[in-house]
Amino acid sequence: MAGPTPAELPLILVADDSLLEQRYVGRILAEHGGWRVAFARNGAEALDALPHTPPAVLLTDMNMPKMDGLTLVEKVREQFPLIPVVLMTGSGSEKVAVAALKAGAADYVPKQALAHDLVPVLERVLSVGQAEHRRYRVLQGMTRRSSQFVLENDPALVPPLVSQFREDLIEMGLCDLTGATRAGIALEEALLNAVYHGNLEVSSELRANGDEAFHKLARERREQAPYAARRVRVTARLTPTCGTFVIMDEGPGFDVSKLPDPTHPDFLERPSGRGVLLMRTFMDAVEYNKTGNRVTLVKRRDRV
């Protein structure tokens, strides 16, 4: 069976006023080989291009002339809600990045981590954006949905469960596709935290020099006692006004009082900081129990 033609490949629109950074990002995306890439010199130029050639993802710098990244996110969310926006954040732009996430951005990548993190982040956002829209018109008369899951410590089980939750949120009318994308990212972070940090007790500090040591230890502990016997238990309750997701691991937990502020610039650049920030930004409420091994995430109905 023939693969997609070049014109059928997902289009990534990159908004950045620096030609040097355009070339750098272009090389990273070209190495992936499965995307088309277009460039805009600023936010205004990118916004003008959207109705004519809608991209699968808009990747934008924060600091640009004529229209900065934050303003661009707000306008895209208002005018083109089905186009996800991913931010490239530089040092010193942490507070603006948090504001952009709250305004509607789907994710962000620190510029110093582009080579390592850009492709995985775009792949995750694209996998959500390419979901079939027809399924979201099904079950419009539903008034309540409840489900329970017990997961082994296999990270591969997380994406299909998150996909199901995204569909549930849209079918229940709690949010549109972009809102479900953001909620799905928060749920994915919480579920992976439960697997890696909760049940397997693998620290994010191992990611300081890449992911190899982190994933190696996780693979080993999936076969070792007491980690192998632990499970992640998930309960989801959705109504037309609110979705509540309770994720509980069987690990030792952590001291919730020592959880740092994820919006602090020093914490924002750490791997653990990014996950907590996304959870708290994309959900209306995130609460831990006293022992730190159960987290409740709440998504309220978006305003129409």
C-alpha atoms as a PDB file:
ATOM      1  CA  MET A   1       0.000   0.000   0.000  1.00  0.00           C
ATOM      2  CA  ALA A   2       1.443   3.352  -1.083  1.00  0.00           C
ATOM      3  CA  GLY A   3       2.375   5.843   1.602  1.00  0.00           C
ATOM      4  CA  PRO A   4       1.282   9.485   1.705  1.00  0.00           C
ATOM      5  CA  THR A   5       2.428  11.824  -1.030  1.00  0.00           C
ATOM      6  CA  PRO A   6       4.531  14.846   0.008  1.00  0.00           C
ATOM      7  CA  ALA A   7       1.430  17.047  -0.216  1.00  0.00           C
ATOM      8  CA  GLU A   8      -0.390  14.743   2.220  1.00  0.00           C
ATOM      9  CA  LEU A   9       2.274  14.927   4.934  1.00  0.00           C
ATOM     10  CA  PRO A  10       1.402  17.007   8.032  1.00  0.00           C
ATOM     11  CA  LEU A  11       2.486  20.635   7.719  1.00  0.00           C
ATOM     12  CA  ILE A  12       4.437  22.268  10.545  1.00  0.00           C
ATOM     13  CA  LEU A  13       4.369  26.076  10.377  1.00  0.00           C
ATOM     14  CA  VAL A  14       7.328  27.625  12.228  1.00  0.00           C
ATOM     15  CA  ALA A  15       7.012  31.255  13.330  1.00  0.00           C
ATOM     16  CA  ASP A  16      10.415  32.740  14.200  1.00  0.00           C
ATOM     17  CA  ASP A  17      12.044  36.018  13.204  1.00  0.00           C
ATOM     18  CA  SER A  18      15.579  34.586  13.408  1.00  0.00           C
ATOM     19  CA  LEU A  19      16.799  32.990  10.171  1.00  0.00           C
ATOM     20  CA  LEU A  20      19.472  31.146  12.153  1.00  0.00           C
ATOM     21  CA  GLU A  21      16.885  29.571  14.430  1.00  0.00           C
ATOM     22  CA  GLN A  22      14.648  28.810  11.446  1.00  0.00           C
ATOM     23  CA  ARG A  23      17.469  26.806   9.876  1.00  0.00           C
ATOM     24  CA  TYR A  24      18.194  24.996  13.133  1.00  0.00           C
ATOM     25  CA  VAL A  25      14.569  23.990  13.675  1.00  0.00           C
ATOM     26  CA  GLY A  26      14.254  23.145   9.984  1.00  0.00           C
ATOM     27  CA  ARG A  27      17.157  20.675  10.228  1.00  0.00           C
ATOM     28  CA  ILE A  28      15.597  18.962  13.249  1.00  0.00           C
ATOM     29  CA  LEU A  29      12.250  18.603  11.486  1.00  0.00           C
ATOM     30  CA  ALA A  30      13.871  17.513   8.201  1.00  0.00           C
ATOM     31  CA  GLU A  31      15.630  14.657   9.996  1.00  0.00           C
ATOM     32  CA  HIS A  32      12.230  13.319  11.030  1.00  0.00           C
ATOM     33  CA  GLY A  33      11.286  13.006   7.354  1.00  0.00           C
ATOM     34  CA  GLY A  34       7.533  12.673   7.864  1.00  0.00           C
ATOM     35  CA  TRP A  35       6.506  16.327   7.833  1.00  0.00           C
ATOM     36  CA  ARG A  36       6.363  19.334   5.558  1.00  0.00           C
ATOM     37  CA  VAL A  37       7.744  22.576   6.985  1.00  0.00           C
ATOM     38  CA  ALA A  38       6.871  26.202   6.257  1.00  0.00           C
ATOM     39  CA  PHE A  39       8.169  29.364   7.920  1.00  0.00           C
ATOM     40  CA  ALA A  40       6.766  32.730   8.986  1.00  0.00           C
ATOM     41  CA  ARG A  41       8.918  35.665  10.077  1.00  0.00           C
ATOM     42  CA  ASN A  42       6.615  36.800  12.871  1.00  0.00           C
ATOM     43  CA  GLY A  43       3.288  36.147  14.531  1.00  0.00           C
ATOM     44  CA  ALA A  44       1.310  38.411  12.218  1.00  0.00           C
ATOM     45  CA  GLU A  45       2.649  36.642   9.133  1.00  0.00           C
ATOM     46  CA  ALA A  46       1.847  33.259  10.676  1.00  0.00           C
ATOM     47  CA  LEU A  47      -1.712  34.315  11.547  1.00  0.00           C
ATOM     48  CA  ASP A  48      -2.282  35.570   7.998  1.00  0.00           C
ATOM     49  CA  ALA A  49      -1.161  32.194   6.595  1.00  0.00           C
ATOM     50  CA  LEU A  50      -3.505  30.036   8.695  1.00  0.00           C
ATOM     51  CA  PRO A  51      -6.752  30.426   6.697  1.00  0.00           C
ATOM     52  CA  HIS A  52      -4.974  29.763   3.395  1.00  0.00           C
ATOM     53  CA  THR A  53      -2.744  26.835   4.384  1.00  0.00           C
ATOM     54  CA  PRO A  54      -3.810  25.491   7.787  1.00  0.00           C
ATOM     55  CA  PRO A  55      -0.922  23.601   9.420  1.00  0.00           C
ATOM     56  CA  ALA A  56      -1.236  20.487  11.537  1.00  0.00           C
ATOM     57  CA  VAL A  57       0.783  22.313  14.227  1.00  0.00           C
ATOM     58  CA  LEU A  58       1.956  25.891  14.652  1.00  0.00           C
ATOM     59  CA  LEU A  59       5.406  26.032  16.280  1.00  0.00           C
ATOM     60  CA  THR A  60       6.255  29.521  17.486  1.00  0.00           C
ATOM     61  CA  ASP A  61       8.995  31.497  19.163  1.00  0.00           C
ATOM     62  CA  MET A  62       7.972  33.727  22.063  1.00  0.00           C
ATOM     63  CA  ASN A  63       9.782  36.985  21.231  1.00  0.00           C
ATOM     64  CA  MET A  64       9.048  38.314  17.735  1.00  0.00           C
ATOM     65  CA  PRO A  65       8.331  41.724  16.166  1.00  0.00           C
ATOM     66  CA  LYS A  66       4.800  42.802  15.100  1.00  0.00           C
ATOM     67  CA  MET A  67       3.147  40.019  17.105  1.00  0.00           C
ATOM     68  CA  ASP A  68       4.769  38.017  19.889  1.00  0.00           C
ATOM     69  CA  GLY A  69       4.137  34.364  20.688  1.00  0.00           C
ATOM     70  CA  LEU A  70       1.686  35.048  23.530  1.00  0.00           C
ATOM     71  CA  THR A  71      -0.537  37.251  21.371  1.00  0.00           C
ATOM     72  CA  LEU A  72      -0.330  34.697  18.571  1.00  0.00           C
ATOM     73  CA  VAL A  73      -1.489  31.904  20.894  1.00  0.00           C
ATOM     74  CA  GLU A  74      -4.477  33.991  22.029  1.00  0.00           C
ATOM     75  CA  LYS A  75      -5.540  34.838  18.476  1.00  0.00           C
ATOM     76  CA  VAL A  76      -5.124  31.273  17.195  1.00  0.00           C
ATOM     77  CA  ARG A  77      -7.156  29.925  20.111  1.00  0.00           C
ATOM     78  CA  GLU A  78      -9.897  32.446  19.292  1.00  0.00           C
ATOM     79  CA  GLN A  79      -9.908  32.216  15.490  1.00  0.00           C
ATOM     80  CA  PHE A  80      -8.543  28.722  14.724  1.00  0.00           C
ATOM     81  CA  PRO A  81      -9.274  26.542  17.790  1.00  0.00           C
ATOM     82  CA  LEU A  82      -8.493  23.289  15.948  1.00  0.00           C
ATOM     83  CA  ILE A  83      -4.861  24.281  15.239  1.00  0.00           C
ATOM     84  CA  PRO A  84      -2.601  23.372  18.195  1.00  0.00           C
ATOM     85  CA  VAL A  85       0.247  25.745  19.088  1.00  0.00           C
ATOM     86  CA  VAL A  86       3.584  24.616  20.528  1.00  0.00           C
ATOM     87  CA  LEU A  87       5.945  27.186  22.062  1.00  0.00           C
ATOM     88  CA  MET A  88       9.721  27.425  21.862  1.00  0.00           C
ATOM     89  CA  THR A  89      10.810  29.085  25.105  1.00  0.00           C
ATOM     90  CA  GLY A  90      14.130  30.789  25.742  1.00  0.00           C
ATOM     91  CA  SER A  91      15.784  31.551  29.053  1.00  0.00           C
ATOM     92  CA  GLY A  92      14.008  34.432  30.754  1.00  0.00           C
ATOM     93  CA  SER A  93      10.634  33.824  29.067  1.00  0.00           C
ATOM     94  CA  GLU A  94       9.296  31.395  31.676  1.00  0.00           C
ATOM     95  CA  LYS A  95       6.496  33.633  32.981  1.00  0.00           C
ATOM     96  CA  VAL A  96       5.324  34.420  29.465  1.00  0.00           C
ATOM     97  CA  ALA A  97       5.396  30.706  28.630  1.00  0.00           C
ATOM     98  CA  VAL A  98       3.119  29.966  31.581  1.00  0.00           C
ATOM     99  CA  ALA A  99       0.733  32.707  30.428  1.00  0.00           C
ATOM    100  CA  ALA A 100       0.723  31.263  26.892  1.00  0.00           C
ATOM    101  CA  LEU A 101      -0.090  27.773  28.179  1.00  0.00           C
ATOM    102  CA  LYS A 102      -3.003  29.229  30.120  1.00  0.00           C
ATOM    103  CA  ALA A 103      -4.103  31.116  27.005  1.00  0.00           C
ATOM    104  CA  GLY A 104      -4.389  27.941  24.953  1.00  0.00           C
ATOM    105  CA  ALA A 105      -0.994  26.612  23.851  1.00  0.00           C
ATOM    106  CA  ALA A 106      -0.840  22.804  23.620  1.00  0.00           C
ATOM    107  CA  ASP A 107       2.743  22.342  24.845  1.00  0.00           C
ATOM    108  CA  TYR A 108       6.166  23.961  25.018  1.00  0.00           C
ATOM    109  CA  VAL A 109       9.822  23.043  24.445  1.00  0.00           C
ATOM    110  CA  PRO A 110      12.773  24.942  25.985  1.00  0.00           C
ATOM    111  CA  LYS A 111      15.129  26.053  23.233  1.00  0.00           C
ATOM    112  CA  GLN A 112      18.098  24.356  24.858  1.00  0.00           C
ATOM    113  CA  ALA A 113      16.187  21.048  24.597  1.00  0.00           C
ATOM    114  CA  LEU A 114      14.970  21.371  20.989  1.00  0.00           C
ATOM    115  CA  ALA A 115      17.291  18.685  19.602  1.00  0.00           C
ATOM    116  CA  HIS A 116      16.114  16.167  22.197  1.00  0.00           C
ATOM    117  CA  ASP A 117      12.469  17.083  22.872  1.00  0.00           C
ATOM    118  CA  LEU A 118      11.010  18.855  19.830  1.00  0.00           C
ATOM    119  CA  VAL A 119      10.171  15.805  17.711  1.00  0.00           C
ATOM    120  CA  PRO A 120       8.553  13.792  20.573  1.00  0.00           C
ATOM    121  CA  VAL A 121       6.446  16.803  21.610  1.00  0.00           C
ATOM    122  CA  LEU A 122       5.247  17.419  18.048  1.00  0.00           C
ATOM    123  CA  GLU A 123       4.485  13.736  17.545  1.00  0.00           C
ATOM    124  CA  ARG A 124       2.356  13.716  20.679  1.00  0.00           C
ATOM    125  CA  VAL A 125       0.438  16.844  19.713  1.00  0.00           C
ATOM    126  CA  LEU A 126      -0.062  15.587  16.154  1.00  0.00           C
ATOM    127  CA  SER A 127      -1.377  12.234  17.307  1.00  0.00           C
ATOM    128  CA  VAL A 128      -4.155  14.080  19.106  1.00  0.00           C
ATOM    129  CA  GLY A 129      -4.900  16.558  16.334  1.00  0.00           C
ATOM    130  CA  GLN A 130      -5.289  13.829  13.722  1.00  0.00           C
ATOM    131  CA  ALA A 131      -8.058  12.026  15.641  1.00  0.00           C
ATOM    132  CA  GLU A 132     -11.257  11.445  13.724  1.00  0.00           C
ATOM    133  CA  HIS A 133     -13.758  14.260  14.249  1.00  0.00           C
ATOM    134  CA  ARG A 134     -16.816  12.158  13.406  1.00  0.00           C
ATOM    135  CA  ARG A 135     -16.624  10.177  16.632  1.00  0.00           C
ATOM    136  CA  TYR A 136     -17.052  13.369  18.626  1.00  0.00           C
ATOM    137  CA  ARG A 137     -20.676  13.755  17.461  1.00  0.00           C
ATOM    138  CA  VAL A 138     -21.602  10.369  18.900  1.00  0.00           C
ATOM    139  CA  LEU A 139     -23.470   9.928  22.165  1.00  0.00           C
ATOM    140  CA  GLN A 140     -24.494  13.589  22.434  1.00  0.00           C
ATOM    141  CA  GLY A 141     -27.379  12.604  24.673  1.00  0.00           C
ATOM    142  CA  MET A 142     -25.133  11.007  27.284  1.00  0.00           C
ATOM    143  CA  THR A 143     -25.579  12.417  30.794  1.00  0.00           C
ATOM    144  CA  ARG A 144     -22.947  10.487  32.734  1.00  0.00           C
ATOM    145  CA  ARG A 145     -19.981   8.198  32.096  1.00  0.00           C
ATOM    146  CA  SER A 146     -17.926   6.311  34.678  1.00  0.00           C
ATOM    147  CA  SER A 147     -15.035   3.930  34.169  1.00  0.00           C
ATOM    148  CA  GLN A 148     -12.310   2.190  36.159  1.00  0.00           C
ATOM    149  CA  PHE A 149      -8.972   0.791  34.997  1.00  0.00           C
ATOM    150  CA  VAL A 150      -6.126  -1.157  36.568  1.00  0.00           C
ATOM    151  CA  LEU A 151      -2.862  -0.748  34.640  1.00  0.00           C
ATOM    152  CA  GLU A 152       0.376  -2.683  34.728  1.00  0.00           C
ATOM    153  CA  ASN A 153       3.590  -0.648  34.833  1.00  0.00           C
ATOM    154  CA  ASP A 154       3.813  -0.491  31.042  1.00  0.00           C
ATOM    155  CA  PRO A 155       4.082   3.065  29.635  1.00  0.00           C
ATOM    156  CA  ALA A 156       2.745   1.770  26.298  1.00  0.00           C
ATOM    157  CA  LEU A 157      -0.676   1.390  27.921  1.00  0.00           C
ATOM    158  CA  VAL A 158      -0.910   5.102  28.707  1.00  0.00           C
ATOM    159  CA  PRO A 159      -1.511   6.614  25.207  1.00  0.00           C
ATOM    160  CA  PRO A 160      -4.554   4.447  24.337  1.00  0.00           C
ATOM    161  CA  LEU A 161      -6.132   5.162  27.725  1.00  0.00           C
ATOM    162  CA  VAL A 162      -5.524   8.895  27.314  1.00  0.00           C
ATOM    163  CA  SER A 163      -7.026   8.700  23.812  1.00  0.00           C
ATOM    164  CA  GLN A 164     -10.160   7.166  25.290  1.00  0.00           C
ATOM    165  CA  PHE A 165     -10.384   9.903  27.926  1.00  0.00           C
ATOM    166  CA  ARG A 166      -9.982  12.620  25.265  1.00  0.00           C
ATOM    167  CA  GLU A 167     -12.868  11.165  23.308  1.00  0.00           C
ATOM    168  CA  ASP A 168     -14.956  10.928  26.475  1.00  0.00           C
ATOM    169  CA  LEU A 169     -14.359  14.613  27.234  1.00  0.00           C
ATOM    170  CA  ILE A 170     -15.442  15.719  23.769  1.00  0.00           C
ATOM    171  CA  GLU A 171     -18.392  13.368  23.510  1.00  0.00           C
ATOM    172  CA  MET A 172     -19.621  14.617  26.872  1.00  0.00           C
ATOM    173  CA  GLY A 173     -19.337  18.192  25.574  1.00  0.00           C
ATOM    174  CA  LEU A 174     -16.850  19.327  28.203  1.00  0.00           C
ATOM    175  CA  CYS A 175     -14.404  20.803  25.688  1.00  0.00           C
ATOM    176  CA  ASP A 176     -13.465  21.018  22.011  1.00  0.00           C
ATOM    177  CA  LEU A 177     -10.608  19.169  20.324  1.00  0.00           C
ATOM    178  CA  THR A 178      -7.982  21.662  21.505  1.00  0.00           C
ATOM    179  CA  GLY A 179      -9.257  21.533  25.068  1.00  0.00           C
ATOM    180  CA  ALA A 180      -9.235  17.738  24.957  1.00  0.00           C
ATOM    181  CA  THR A 181      -5.677  17.821  23.641  1.00  0.00           C
ATOM    182  CA  ARG A 182      -4.574  19.895  26.614  1.00  0.00           C
ATOM    183  CA  ALA A 183      -6.472  17.759  29.127  1.00  0.00           C
ATOM    184  CA  GLY A 184      -5.038  14.624  27.511  1.00  0.00           C
ATOM    185  CA  ILE A 185      -1.493  15.907  27.918  1.00  0.00           C
ATOM    186  CA  ALA A 186      -2.154  16.576  31.608  1.00  0.00           C
ATOM    187  CA  LEU A 187      -3.596  13.086  32.090  1.00  0.00           C
ATOM    188  CA  GLU A 188      -0.662  11.510  30.263  1.00  0.00           C
ATOM    189  CA  GLU A 189       1.792  13.302  32.547  1.00  0.00           C
ATOM    190  CA  ALA A 190      -0.114  12.155  35.647  1.00  0.00           C
ATOM    191  CA  LEU A 191      -0.330   8.538  34.467  1.00  0.00           C
ATOM    192  CA  LEU A 192       3.348   8.360  33.524  1.00  0.00           C
ATOM    193  CA  ASN A 193       4.249   9.901  36.878  1.00  0.00           C
ATOM    194  CA  ALA A 194       2.255   7.145  38.592  1.00  0.00           C
ATOM    195  CA  VAL A 195       4.076   4.449  36.614  1.00  0.00           C
ATOM    196  CA  TYR A 196       7.624   5.791  36.666  1.00  0.00           C
ATOM    197  CA  HIS A 197       7.882   7.822  39.845  1.00  0.00           C
ATOM    198  CA  GLY A 198       5.148   6.149  41.898  1.00  0.00           C
ATOM    199  CA  ASN A 199       5.273   2.404  41.287  1.00  0.00           C
ATOM    200  CA  LEU A 200       8.774   2.060  39.836  1.00  0.00           C
ATOM    201  CA  GLU A 201      10.326   4.811  41.994  1.00  0.00           C
ATOM    202  CA  VAL A 202      12.521   6.121  39.173  1.00  0.00           C
ATOM    203  CA  SER A 203      13.713   9.676  39.767  1.00  0.00           C
ATOM    204  CA  SER A 204      13.562  12.438  37.148  1.00  0.00           C
ATOM    205  CA  GLU A 205      17.091  13.408  38.166  1.00  0.00           C
ATOM    206  CA  LEU A 206      18.318  10.485  36.024  1.00  0.00           C
ATOM    207  CA  ARG A 207      17.187  12.475  32.978  1.00  0.00           C
ATOM    208  CA  ALA A 208      19.734  15.227  33.576  1.00  0.00           C
ATOM    209  CA  ASN A 209      22.001  13.794  30.862  1.00  0.00           C
ATOM    210  CA  GLY A 210      19.369  12.150  28.651  1.00  0.00           C
ATOM    211  CA  ASP A 211      16.754   9.437  29.016  1.00  0.00           C
ATOM    212  CA  GLU A 212      18.888   6.294  28.687  1.00  0.00           C
ATOM    213  CA  ALA A 213      19.610   5.728  32.401  1.00  0.00           C
ATOM    214  CA  PHE A 214      16.039   6.626  33.341  1.00  0.00           C
ATOM    215  CA  HIS A 215      14.423   4.105  30.984  1.00  0.00           C
ATOM    216  CA  LYS A 216      17.029   1.420  31.700  1.00  0.00           C
ATOM    217  CA  LEU A 217      16.216   1.468  35.417  1.00  0.00           C
ATOM    218  CA  ALA A 218      12.474   1.517  34.667  1.00  0.00           C
ATOM    219  CA  ARG A 219      12.773  -1.582  32.463  1.00  0.00           C
ATOM    220  CA  GLU A 220      14.733  -3.404  35.157  1.00  0.00           C
ATOM    221  CA  ARG A 221      12.265  -2.567  37.915  1.00  0.00           C
ATOM    222  CA  ARG A 222       9.287  -3.738  35.883  1.00  0.00           C
ATOM    223  CA  GLU A 223      10.673  -7.266  36.451  1.00  0.00           C
ATOM    224  CA  GLN A 224      11.782  -6.812  40.083  1.00  0.00           C
ATOM    225  CA  ALA A 225       9.977  -7.061  43.402  1.00  0.00           C
ATOM    226  CA  PRO A 226       8.304  -5.130  44.899  1.00  0.00           C
ATOM    227  CA  TYR A 227       7.859  -2.867  41.879  1.00  0.00           C
ATOM    228  CA  ALA A 228       6.553  -5.473  39.420  1.00  0.00           C
ATOM    229  CA  ALA A 229       3.462  -6.324  41.488  1.00  0.00           C
ATOM    230  CA  ARG A 230       2.300  -2.718  41.831  1.00  0.00           C
ATOM    231  CA  ARG A 231      -0.548  -1.358  39.725  1.00  0.00           C
ATOM    232  CA  VAL A 232      -1.949   2.026  38.725  1.00  0.00           C
ATOM    233  CA  ARG A 233      -5.655   2.391  39.470  1.00  0.00           C
ATOM    234  CA  VAL A 234      -7.645   4.957  37.509  1.00  0.00           C
ATOM    235  CA  THR A 235     -11.214   6.138  38.034  1.00  0.00           C
ATOM    236  CA  ALA A 236     -12.935   8.534  35.642  1.00  0.00           C
ATOM    237  CA  ARG A 237     -16.308  10.189  36.237  1.00  0.00           C
ATOM    238  CA  LEU A 238     -17.725  12.529  33.601  1.00  0.00           C
ATOM    239  CA  THR A 239     -20.922  14.582  33.497  1.00  0.00           C
ATOM    240  CA  PRO A 240     -21.887  17.439  31.144  1.00  0.00           C
ATOM    241  CA  THR A 241     -20.433  19.927  33.639  1.00  0.00           C
ATOM    242  CA  CYS A 242     -17.270  18.252  34.966  1.00  0.00           C
ATOM    243  CA  GLY A 243     -14.775  15.440  34.423  1.00  0.00           C
ATOM    244  CA  THR A 244     -12.945  14.015  37.448  1.00  0.00           C
ATOM    245  CA  PHE A 245      -9.969  11.668  37.075  1.00  0.00           C
ATOM    246  CA  VAL A 246      -8.415   9.922  40.082  1.00  0.00           C
ATOM    247  CA  ILE A 247      -5.026   8.254  39.496  1.00  0.00           C
ATOM    248  CA  MET A 248      -3.516   6.187  42.304  1.00  0.00           C
ATOM    249  CA  ASP A 249      -0.256   4.257  42.396  1.00  0.00           C
ATOM    250  CA  GLU A 250       0.912   1.686  44.958  1.00  0.00           C
ATOM    251  CA  GLY A 251       4.318   3.221  45.619  1.00  0.00           C
ATOM    252  CA  PRO A 252       5.537   4.885  48.836  1.00  0.00           C
ATOM    253  CA  GLY A 253       4.370   8.346  47.741  1.00  0.00           C
ATOM    254  CA  PHE A 254       6.166  11.606  48.522  1.00  0.00           C
ATOM    255  CA  ASP A 255       5.966  14.620  50.818  1.00  0.00           C
ATOM    256  CA  VAL A 256       3.387  16.788  49.065  1.00  0.00           C
ATOM    257  CA  SER A 257       4.358  19.829  51.155  1.00  0.00           C
ATOM    258  CA  LYS A 258       7.788  19.817  49.491  1.00  0.00           C
ATOM    259  CA  LEU A 259       6.443  19.907  45.941  1.00  0.00           C
ATOM    260  CA  PRO A 260       8.027  23.064  44.455  1.00  0.00           C
ATOM    261  CA  ASP A 261       6.162  25.776  42.611  1.00  0.00           C
ATOM    262  CA  PRO A 262       6.228  24.585  38.965  1.00  0.00           C
ATOM    263  CA  THR A 263       5.998  28.170  37.677  1.00  0.00           C
ATOM    264  CA  HIS A 264       9.308  29.144  39.295  1.00  0.00           C
ATOM    265  CA  PRO A 265      11.950  29.709  36.559  1.00  0.00           C
ATOM    266  CA  ASP A 266      14.423  27.275  38.139  1.00  0.00           C
ATOM    267  CA  PHE A 267      11.802  24.541  38.385  1.00  0.00           C
ATOM    268  CA  LEU A 268      10.313  25.151  34.933  1.00  0.00           C
ATOM    269  CA  GLU A 269      13.401  23.875  33.138  1.00  0.00           C
ATOM    270  CA  ARG A 270      13.551  20.606  35.091  1.00  0.00           C
ATOM    271  CA  PRO A 271      11.894  17.476  33.640  1.00  0.00           C
ATOM    272  CA  SER A 272       9.679  17.073  36.703  1.00  0.00           C
ATOM    273  CA  GLY A 273       8.749  20.751  36.601  1.00  0.00           C
ATOM    274  CA  ARG A 274       7.422  20.538  33.082  1.00  0.00           C
ATOM    275  CA  GLY A 275       5.007  17.715  33.899  1.00  0.00           C
ATOM    276  CA  VAL A 276       3.567  19.359  37.008  1.00  0.00           C
ATOM    277  CA  LEU A 277       3.220  22.670  35.166  1.00  0.00           C
ATOM    278  CA  LEU A 278       1.267  21.077  32.312  1.00  0.00           C
ATOM    279  CA  MET A 279      -1.025  19.247  34.733  1.00  0.00           C
ATOM    280  CA  ARG A 280      -1.849  22.383  36.700  1.00  0.00           C
ATOM    281  CA  THR A 281      -2.188  24.597  33.637  1.00  0.00           C
ATOM    282  CA  PHE A 282      -4.405  22.320  31.554  1.00  0.00           C
ATOM    283  CA  MET A 283      -6.714  21.144  34.350  1.00  0.00           C
ATOM    284  CA  ASP A 284      -8.995  23.276  36.517  1.00  0.00           C
ATOM    285  CA  ALA A 285      -7.828  21.536  39.687  1.00  0.00           C
ATOM    286  CA  VAL A 286      -5.000  19.159  40.624  1.00  0.00           C
ATOM    287  CA  GLU A 287      -4.965  17.790  44.164  1.00  0.00           C
ATOM    288  CA  TYR A 288      -2.755  15.175  45.856  1.00  0.00           C
ATOM    289  CA  ASN A 289      -3.649  13.109  48.895  1.00  0.00           C
ATOM    290  CA  LYS A 290      -1.496  13.480  52.015  1.00  0.00           C
ATOM    291  CA  THR A 291       0.768  10.549  51.125  1.00  0.00           C
ATOM    292  CA  GLY A 292       1.349  11.723  47.560  1.00  0.00           C
ATOM    293  CA  ASN A 293       0.348   8.499  45.807  1.00  0.00           C
ATOM    294  CA  ARG A 294      -3.070   9.655  44.601  1.00  0.00           C
ATOM    295  CA  VAL A 295      -3.780  12.648  42.398  1.00  0.00           C
ATOM    296  CA  THR A 296      -7.192  13.984  41.407  1.00  0.00           C
ATOM    297  CA  LEU A 297      -7.481  16.039  38.216  1.00  0.00           C
ATOM    298  CA  VAL A 298     -10.636  18.021  37.455  1.00  0.00           C
ATOM    299  CA  LYS A 299     -11.678  19.398  34.053  1.00  0.00           C
ATOM    300  CA  ARG A 300     -14.709  21.658  34.125  1.00  0.00           C
ATOM    301  CA  ARG A 301     -16.823  22.417  31.085  1.00  0.00           C
ATOM    302  CA  ASP A 302     -15.272  25.049  28.833  1.00  0.00           C
ATOM    303  CA  ARG A 303     -17.218  28.243  28.334  1.00  0.00           C
ATOM    304  CA  VAL A 304     -18.913  28.352  24.949  1.00  0.00           C
END
